[in-house]
Amino acid sequence: MLKIGDMEKTTGSSLKLLAQFIKNGEDFLAQARAIPAGALGKTPIADEWSGAYVIHHMCDGDLHFLIRYLNNLAEDSPPIFPFNEEIYPERINYSKRDPAASLAGIAGNFLVAKDILTTIPSADWKRSSTHLERGIITLFDMVKIASDHSEAHAKQLQKIVSAL
């Protein structure tokens, strides 16, 4: 059980993380929406993904993150199954998918995640899950990973847009 001092630290840290999560999600969406539809399939940087592939990757990743948040909040110490993002472009048909559908998925999942995370009690940020490769991680850890993921891919999209 959290002590009062721990609760204050958790609340302050989680509020800062939540603000960063929201900023990074909004930044990613803005960068993705800045790519003209006709340029989404272009790969202007050698050995990099196209904007469309980055958007599909984020959509798939955000689906996994959202399920992890829900399981963490609803179950006691649920397992987290890793996903092999390396095989997704081929196995989940990135080349045939609609970037607009994936972008809509990202926006929708982001709104749901934001709604859930802004309404949970501060103690829930300490809830744990067991990742099959990383071991025990908290909801705070999961949101930090997702936030950093959004930030990294927003920067990747910015580079793609600059190179078009």
C-alpha atoms as a PDB file:
ATOM      1  CA  MET A   1       0.000   0.000   0.000  1.00  0.00           C
ATOM      2  CA  LEU A   2       1.278   3.489  -0.831  1.00  0.00           C
ATOM      3  CA  LYS A   3       2.188   5.884   1.941  1.00  0.00           C
ATOM      4  CA  ILE A   4       1.095   9.526   1.763  1.00  0.00           C
ATOM      5  CA  GLY A   5       4.572  10.712   0.700  1.00  0.00           C
ATOM      6  CA  ASP A   6       4.742   7.987  -1.956  1.00  0.00           C
ATOM      7  CA  MET A   7       1.269   8.947  -3.171  1.00  0.00           C
ATOM      8  CA  GLU A   8       2.353  12.572  -3.638  1.00  0.00           C
ATOM      9  CA  LYS A   9       5.428  11.463  -5.595  1.00  0.00           C
ATOM     10  CA  THR A  10       3.336   9.078  -7.668  1.00  0.00           C
ATOM     11  CA  THR A  11       0.700  11.718  -8.349  1.00  0.00           C
ATOM     12  CA  GLY A  12       3.266  14.359  -9.363  1.00  0.00           C
ATOM     13  CA  SER A  13       5.265  11.966 -11.518  1.00  0.00           C
ATOM     14  CA  SER A  14       2.206  10.429 -13.116  1.00  0.00           C
ATOM     15  CA  LEU A  15       0.720  13.843 -13.893  1.00  0.00           C
ATOM     16  CA  LYS A  16       3.987  14.893 -15.575  1.00  0.00           C
ATOM     17  CA  LEU A  17       4.110  11.627 -17.504  1.00  0.00           C
ATOM     18  CA  LEU A  18       0.463  11.954 -18.513  1.00  0.00           C
ATOM     19  CA  ALA A  19       1.102  15.481 -19.811  1.00  0.00           C
ATOM     20  CA  GLN A  20       4.104  14.206 -21.801  1.00  0.00           C
ATOM     21  CA  PHE A  21       2.088  11.241 -23.105  1.00  0.00           C
ATOM     22  CA  ILE A  22      -0.624  13.614 -24.327  1.00  0.00           C
ATOM     23  CA  LYS A  23       1.886  16.019 -25.898  1.00  0.00           C
ATOM     24  CA  ASN A  24       3.750  13.222 -27.664  1.00  0.00           C
ATOM     25  CA  GLY A  25       0.532  11.672 -28.943  1.00  0.00           C
ATOM     26  CA  GLU A  26      -0.695  15.017 -30.261  1.00  0.00           C
ATOM     27  CA  ASP A  27       2.706  15.713 -31.839  1.00  0.00           C
ATOM     28  CA  PHE A  28       2.661  12.350 -33.604  1.00  0.00           C
ATOM     29  CA  LEU A  29      -0.843  12.942 -34.942  1.00  0.00           C
ATOM     30  CA  ALA A  30       0.145  16.421 -36.169  1.00  0.00           C
ATOM     31  CA  GLN A  31       3.231  15.081 -37.952  1.00  0.00           C
ATOM     32  CA  ALA A  32       1.252  12.241 -39.541  1.00  0.00           C
ATOM     33  CA  ARG A  33      -1.457  14.612 -40.728  1.00  0.00           C
ATOM     34  CA  ALA A  34       1.187  16.920 -42.237  1.00  0.00           C
ATOM     35  CA  ILE A  35       2.171  14.333 -44.826  1.00  0.00           C
ATOM     36  CA  PRO A  36       0.259  14.826 -48.079  1.00  0.00           C
ATOM     37  CA  ALA A  37      -1.781  11.723 -48.979  1.00  0.00           C
ATOM     38  CA  GLY A  38       0.161  11.314 -52.211  1.00  0.00           C
ATOM     39  CA  ALA A  39       3.462  11.244 -50.336  1.00  0.00           C
ATOM     40  CA  LEU A  40       2.558   8.691 -47.651  1.00  0.00           C
ATOM     41  CA  GLY A  41       3.953   5.770 -49.648  1.00  0.00           C
ATOM     42  CA  LYS A  42       7.220   7.498 -50.539  1.00  0.00           C
ATOM     43  CA  THR A  43      10.488   6.545 -48.858  1.00  0.00           C
ATOM     44  CA  PRO A  44      12.648   9.661 -49.210  1.00  0.00           C
ATOM     45  CA  ILE A  45      15.276   8.381 -46.766  1.00  0.00           C
ATOM     46  CA  ALA A  46      17.252   5.284 -47.755  1.00  0.00           C
ATOM     47  CA  ASP A  47      16.644   2.230 -45.559  1.00  0.00           C
ATOM     48  CA  GLU A  48      13.780   3.968 -43.721  1.00  0.00           C
ATOM     49  CA  TRP A  49      10.083   3.286 -43.704  1.00  0.00           C
ATOM     50  CA  SER A  50       7.592   5.397 -45.587  1.00  0.00           C
ATOM     51  CA  GLY A  51       5.235   7.635 -43.659  1.00  0.00           C
ATOM     52  CA  ALA A  52       2.498   5.056 -44.257  1.00  0.00           C
ATOM     53  CA  TYR A  53       4.560   2.268 -42.686  1.00  0.00           C
ATOM     54  CA  VAL A  54       5.329   4.419 -39.640  1.00  0.00           C
ATOM     55  CA  ILE A  55       1.626   5.180 -39.265  1.00  0.00           C
ATOM     56  CA  HIS A  56       0.689   1.483 -39.548  1.00  0.00           C
ATOM     57  CA  HIS A  57       3.395   0.585 -37.040  1.00  0.00           C
ATOM     58  CA  MET A  58       2.107   3.169 -34.568  1.00  0.00           C
ATOM     59  CA  CYS A  59      -1.474   2.003 -35.001  1.00  0.00           C
ATOM     60  CA  ASP A  60      -0.502  -1.596 -34.276  1.00  0.00           C
ATOM     61  CA  GLY A  61       1.709  -0.609 -31.357  1.00  0.00           C
ATOM     62  CA  ASP A  62      -0.955   1.635 -29.846  1.00  0.00           C
ATOM     63  CA  LEU A  63      -3.453  -1.236 -30.022  1.00  0.00           C
ATOM     64  CA  HIS A  64      -1.046  -3.389 -28.030  1.00  0.00           C
ATOM     65  CA  PHE A  65      -0.405  -0.616 -25.507  1.00  0.00           C
ATOM     66  CA  LEU A  66      -4.109   0.062 -25.005  1.00  0.00           C
ATOM     67  CA  ILE A  67      -4.845  -3.619 -24.381  1.00  0.00           C
ATOM     68  CA  ARG A  68      -1.979  -3.712 -21.894  1.00  0.00           C
ATOM     69  CA  TYR A  69      -3.373  -0.689 -20.009  1.00  0.00           C
ATOM     70  CA  LEU A  70      -6.836  -2.232 -19.886  1.00  0.00           C
ATOM     71  CA  ASN A  71      -5.530  -5.595 -18.675  1.00  0.00           C
ATOM     72  CA  ASN A  72      -3.306  -3.913 -16.085  1.00  0.00           C
ATOM     73  CA  LEU A  73      -6.182  -1.870 -14.686  1.00  0.00           C
ATOM     74  CA  ALA A  74      -8.744  -4.691 -14.741  1.00  0.00           C
ATOM     75  CA  GLU A  75      -6.708  -7.719 -13.669  1.00  0.00           C
ATOM     76  CA  ASP A  76      -4.239  -8.441 -10.895  1.00  0.00           C
ATOM     77  CA  SER A  77      -0.696  -8.760 -12.295  1.00  0.00           C
ATOM     78  CA  PRO A  78      -1.684  -9.826 -15.808  1.00  0.00           C
ATOM     79  CA  PRO A  79       0.906 -11.165 -18.226  1.00  0.00           C
ATOM     80  CA  ILE A  80       2.083  -9.006 -21.098  1.00  0.00           C
ATOM     81  CA  PHE A  81       2.809 -10.854 -24.277  1.00  0.00           C
ATOM     82  CA  PRO A  82       5.505  -9.262 -26.438  1.00  0.00           C
ATOM     83  CA  PHE A  83       4.772  -8.676 -30.093  1.00  0.00           C
ATOM     84  CA  ASN A  84       7.276  -9.093 -32.858  1.00  0.00           C
ATOM     85  CA  GLU A  85       7.111  -5.740 -34.616  1.00  0.00           C
ATOM     86  CA  GLU A  86       9.733  -6.874 -37.122  1.00  0.00           C
ATOM     87  CA  ILE A  87       7.301  -9.242 -38.853  1.00  0.00           C
ATOM     88  CA  TYR A  88       4.285  -6.910 -38.811  1.00  0.00           C
ATOM     89  CA  PRO A  89       5.020  -5.042 -42.081  1.00  0.00           C
ATOM     90  CA  GLU A  90       4.869  -8.291 -44.049  1.00  0.00           C
ATOM     91  CA  ARG A  91       2.452 -10.393 -41.986  1.00  0.00           C
ATOM     92  CA  ILE A  92      -0.038  -7.583 -41.340  1.00  0.00           C
ATOM     93  CA  ASN A  93       0.252  -6.296 -44.934  1.00  0.00           C
ATOM     94  CA  TYR A  94       1.506  -2.748 -44.436  1.00  0.00           C
ATOM     95  CA  SER A  95       1.868  -2.348 -48.200  1.00  0.00           C
ATOM     96  CA  LYS A  96      -1.858  -3.038 -48.739  1.00  0.00           C
ATOM     97  CA  ARG A  97      -3.300  -1.195 -45.749  1.00  0.00           C
ATOM     98  CA  ASP A  98      -4.947   2.214 -45.841  1.00  0.00           C
ATOM     99  CA  PRO A  99      -2.867   4.825 -43.951  1.00  0.00           C
ATOM    100  CA  ALA A 100      -6.038   6.858 -43.334  1.00  0.00           C
ATOM    101  CA  ALA A 101      -7.603   3.900 -41.513  1.00  0.00           C
ATOM    102  CA  SER A 102      -4.477   3.424 -39.391  1.00  0.00           C
ATOM    103  CA  LEU A 103      -4.323   7.153 -38.631  1.00  0.00           C
ATOM    104  CA  ALA A 104      -7.975   7.088 -37.554  1.00  0.00           C
ATOM    105  CA  GLY A 105      -7.151   4.098 -35.340  1.00  0.00           C
ATOM    106  CA  ILE A 106      -4.270   5.972 -33.735  1.00  0.00           C
ATOM    107  CA  ALA A 107      -6.450   9.005 -33.071  1.00  0.00           C
ATOM    108  CA  GLY A 108      -9.243   6.887 -31.601  1.00  0.00           C
ATOM    109  CA  ASN A 109      -6.964   4.757 -29.436  1.00  0.00           C
ATOM    110  CA  PHE A 110      -5.171   7.882 -28.247  1.00  0.00           C
ATOM    111  CA  LEU A 111      -8.463   9.460 -27.157  1.00  0.00           C
ATOM    112  CA  VAL A 112      -9.500   6.287 -25.324  1.00  0.00           C
ATOM    113  CA  ALA A 113      -6.116   5.920 -23.613  1.00  0.00           C
ATOM    114  CA  LYS A 114      -6.089   9.604 -22.645  1.00  0.00           C
ATOM    115  CA  ASP A 115      -9.622   9.332 -21.252  1.00  0.00           C
ATOM    116  CA  ILE A 116      -8.780   6.233 -19.215  1.00  0.00           C
ATOM    117  CA  LEU A 117      -5.450   7.524 -17.917  1.00  0.00           C
ATOM    118  CA  THR A 118      -6.847  10.913 -16.881  1.00  0.00           C
ATOM    119  CA  THR A 119      -9.571   9.297 -14.783  1.00  0.00           C
ATOM    120  CA  ILE A 120      -7.706   6.603 -12.847  1.00  0.00           C
ATOM    121  CA  PRO A 121      -6.800   6.999  -9.167  1.00  0.00           C
ATOM    122  CA  SER A 122      -3.152   7.875  -8.606  1.00  0.00           C
ATOM    123  CA  ALA A 123      -2.492   4.525  -6.921  1.00  0.00           C
ATOM    124  CA  ASP A 124      -3.267   2.723 -10.189  1.00  0.00           C
ATOM    125  CA  TRP A 125      -0.055   4.030 -11.736  1.00  0.00           C
ATOM    126  CA  LYS A 126       1.776   1.523  -9.494  1.00  0.00           C
ATOM    127  CA  ARG A 127      -0.276  -1.468 -10.678  1.00  0.00           C
ATOM    128  CA  SER A 128       2.004  -4.122 -12.112  1.00  0.00           C
ATOM    129  CA  SER A 129       1.990  -6.563 -14.978  1.00  0.00           C
ATOM    130  CA  THR A 130       4.533  -9.187 -15.896  1.00  0.00           C
ATOM    131  CA  HIS A 131       6.160  -8.791 -19.287  1.00  0.00           C
ATOM    132  CA  LEU A 132       7.423 -12.141 -20.538  1.00  0.00           C
ATOM    133  CA  GLU A 133      10.774 -10.593 -21.575  1.00  0.00           C
ATOM    134  CA  ARG A 134      11.178  -7.544 -19.277  1.00  0.00           C
ATOM    135  CA  GLY A 135       9.717  -8.901 -16.055  1.00  0.00           C
ATOM    136  CA  ILE A 136       7.505  -6.861 -13.750  1.00  0.00           C
ATOM    137  CA  ILE A 137       6.540  -3.420 -15.028  1.00  0.00           C
ATOM    138  CA  THR A 138       4.018  -0.902 -13.753  1.00  0.00           C
ATOM    139  CA  LEU A 139       1.335   1.001 -15.598  1.00  0.00           C
ATOM    140  CA  PHE A 140       3.586   4.047 -15.209  1.00  0.00           C
ATOM    141  CA  ASP A 141       6.375   2.128 -16.996  1.00  0.00           C
ATOM    142  CA  MET A 142       4.033   1.075 -19.803  1.00  0.00           C
ATOM    143  CA  VAL A 143       2.812   4.618 -20.398  1.00  0.00           C
ATOM    144  CA  LYS A 144       6.402   5.907 -20.348  1.00  0.00           C
ATOM    145  CA  ILE A 145       7.393   3.348 -22.985  1.00  0.00           C
ATOM    146  CA  ALA A 146       4.381   4.294 -25.135  1.00  0.00           C
ATOM    147  CA  SER A 147       5.042   8.008 -24.720  1.00  0.00           C
ATOM    148  CA  ASP A 148       8.686   7.608 -25.742  1.00  0.00           C
ATOM    149  CA  HIS A 149       7.554   5.472 -28.689  1.00  0.00           C
ATOM    150  CA  SER A 150       5.210   8.225 -29.912  1.00  0.00           C
ATOM    151  CA  GLU A 151       7.928  10.841 -29.509  1.00  0.00           C
ATOM    152  CA  ALA A 152      10.495   8.808 -31.448  1.00  0.00           C
ATOM    153  CA  HIS A 153       8.140   8.137 -34.334  1.00  0.00           C
ATOM    154  CA  ALA A 154       6.925  11.747 -34.450  1.00  0.00           C
ATOM    155  CA  LYS A 155      10.566  12.729 -34.953  1.00  0.00           C
ATOM    156  CA  GLN A 156      10.903  10.038 -37.606  1.00  0.00           C
ATOM    157  CA  LEU A 157       7.879  11.448 -39.463  1.00  0.00           C
ATOM    158  CA  GLN A 158       9.325  14.950 -39.173  1.00  0.00           C
ATOM    159  CA  LYS A 159      12.503  13.743 -40.893  1.00  0.00           C
ATOM    160  CA  ILE A 160      10.457  12.040 -43.605  1.00  0.00           C
ATOM    161  CA  VAL A 161       8.440  15.218 -44.234  1.00  0.00           C
ATOM    162  CA  SER A 162      11.645  17.278 -44.379  1.00  0.00           C
ATOM    163  CA  ALA A 163      13.135  14.896 -46.925  1.00  0.00           C
ATOM    164  CA  LEU A 164      10.107  14.879 -49.259  1.00  0.00           C
END
